[in-house]
Amino acid sequence: MSKSRDNLPQHLLEHIVVQDYSLYTSIDQAVWRFIMKISVPFFKDHAHETYLKGLEQTGIPLEKIPFVDEMDEKLDRFGWGASTVKGFIPPVTFMELLSRRVLAIAVDMRTAEHIVYTPAPDIVHEAAGHAPIIADPDYADYLCNYGELAHKAIASKQDMELYEVIRKMSDLKENPNSTQSEITQVQKEFEEAAKAISWISEAAELARMNWWTSEYGLVGSLDDPKIYGAGLLSSVGESHDCLGPSVKKIPMNIDCIQYGYDITEPQPQLFVTKDFKTLSKVLLEFSKTMAYKTGGIPGLKKAKTAETVTTAVYDSGLQVSGVLSDLMIVDSSELAYIKYTGLVQLCYDNNEISGHSVDYHSDGFGALVGKISNIGKSLNQLSRTDLQELGIFDENRVNIDFSNGIKISGTVIKTRYNNARPLLISLEDCSVTLNDKFLFRPEWGVYDLACGGKIVSVFGGPADWPAYYKNVKREENTISQSSNLTDENKPLNELYSMVREMREKNI
């Protein structure tokens, strides 16, 4: 087992399934062999030079469907690994696997009817498409860096709804038992979900970059580009057409995130990167616009618009994770207060703080941001001695006025420190007001005062994923892998088995 795969945390292992090689039919093996037999001669001339040697170096055989465990062993030499998954997995899971240098390989095999293209993730696309180019170190670095950024990107509620419909649609289209009415209905749902997108999130922008690079990317010169995108490398027909003059070629740049795409139609334009290092440069340029880098009001506004779980990071290191519902700004530009609804988690260094889980903060959370008015410092900048001088110590009642207009009055019951600086101050019988408006009332219980003068980062998802979702019941993978064998194709499959046996025995 590769080092990358061996080090996966439990919350990622829950998405890993077993590759049952016996479920691949003789027809499946013939489909794989046919695809590879027509792919290699074509891509020998039209793919990036890494493709051919990458097939061998990453464990992709031409004559049979690969064993993913063997791929994993081969990829280990490049500092990567491979794990088997079932169909569409959550985007954030796929991205975290990439950030850990693990390639997720869908175990199912496309049917013979979908030999040219399948709407569902399958082993042809993931293994024969993605794996070979990982043998190029610059491209491998780009993929890993992309995964790290995408894992921090803020995704919207609309993104999640669209993802669920796409997953449902792809499964139905590939399932031989699906009815036409079911497919028509889910296509309608897809169109409605796509039209409902009213805001392009960071996650959606990065999905576009992924589409125009690792899925449909070209590399080299505009006049004679070579193919490296997995969507093209797993489809000779589309690859042949994309190289013609009817498809516009655009030099790779950050503007690729402005181009949407239709997964059901041929692409009218493709982006050509000079080399794989250029991909990382464009990615770095985009990262500077992301909320995890900018923080502050712009980052929080993205989080509020998203309506999904995000994390705000204070300059003290305190992390607040939940669905942001409001941010209060005074004098047009000074952040004063942020409010969360539902389950909230408090963390430091991506680890949940004891006593501050979603069980405790199950009904929202309000957090102050700013400096104390008479000293011009935020609470996290004060030492224990400074706090004592201000009367902020256990069992003492204190009144604190902040420069943004927030007023706090309550009795200190506990102060949690980090590196001798306060991180959280818990108060009872506490009131928090802004311009005489109550943000927290004494009868609501203990108020946990976040210590920090500004929000330095905002990123997608909770800080401590396993702890935040510990009470969420996940769907059990009752079937790890589908079989394409049906009552109708059993006789044909037997004939394919006979032909394969004759060929292998040179009869």
Foldseek 3Di string as FASTA:
>chain_A
DAPLVVPDDPVLVQQFFDQDVVLEFLQLQVLQLVLLVVLCVVQVQFAPVLQPVLCVQQQNDNRGQGDQQSSQVSCSVVVAGETEGAKDDPPLSCLVSLLSRYQYAHNEGFGPVQSQHALIGHRLLRPSAQRRVCVPVLLSVLSNVLSVLLNFWAAAPLNVQLVVLSRVLRVLVRDPPHDPVSNVVSVVVNVVSVVPDPDQTRNLLSVLLCCQPQAFDWEADQLRTHTRHSVCSSHVVLVVVCNDPQAAEAEDALCSSVDDDDPVDRHNYHYYYHDSNVSVVRVVVSSCVGQQQAPFPVSVVSQQRRQAWKWWAFPLQKIKIARWPDWDAPPVGRTFKTKHAAFMFIDGQLHTDPPGGSVNVGGIAMETAAAFPPPRHWQQVDAPVRCVVQQNDAQTWHWTAGPRQKIKTFGWHDFDDDPRGTAKTKGAQMWIDHPNHTPDGRVVGIHIYGTHHGTRGMTYDGSHNCRRCVVPDDDRCPDRYDHPDDPVCVVVSVVSVVVVVCVVVVD
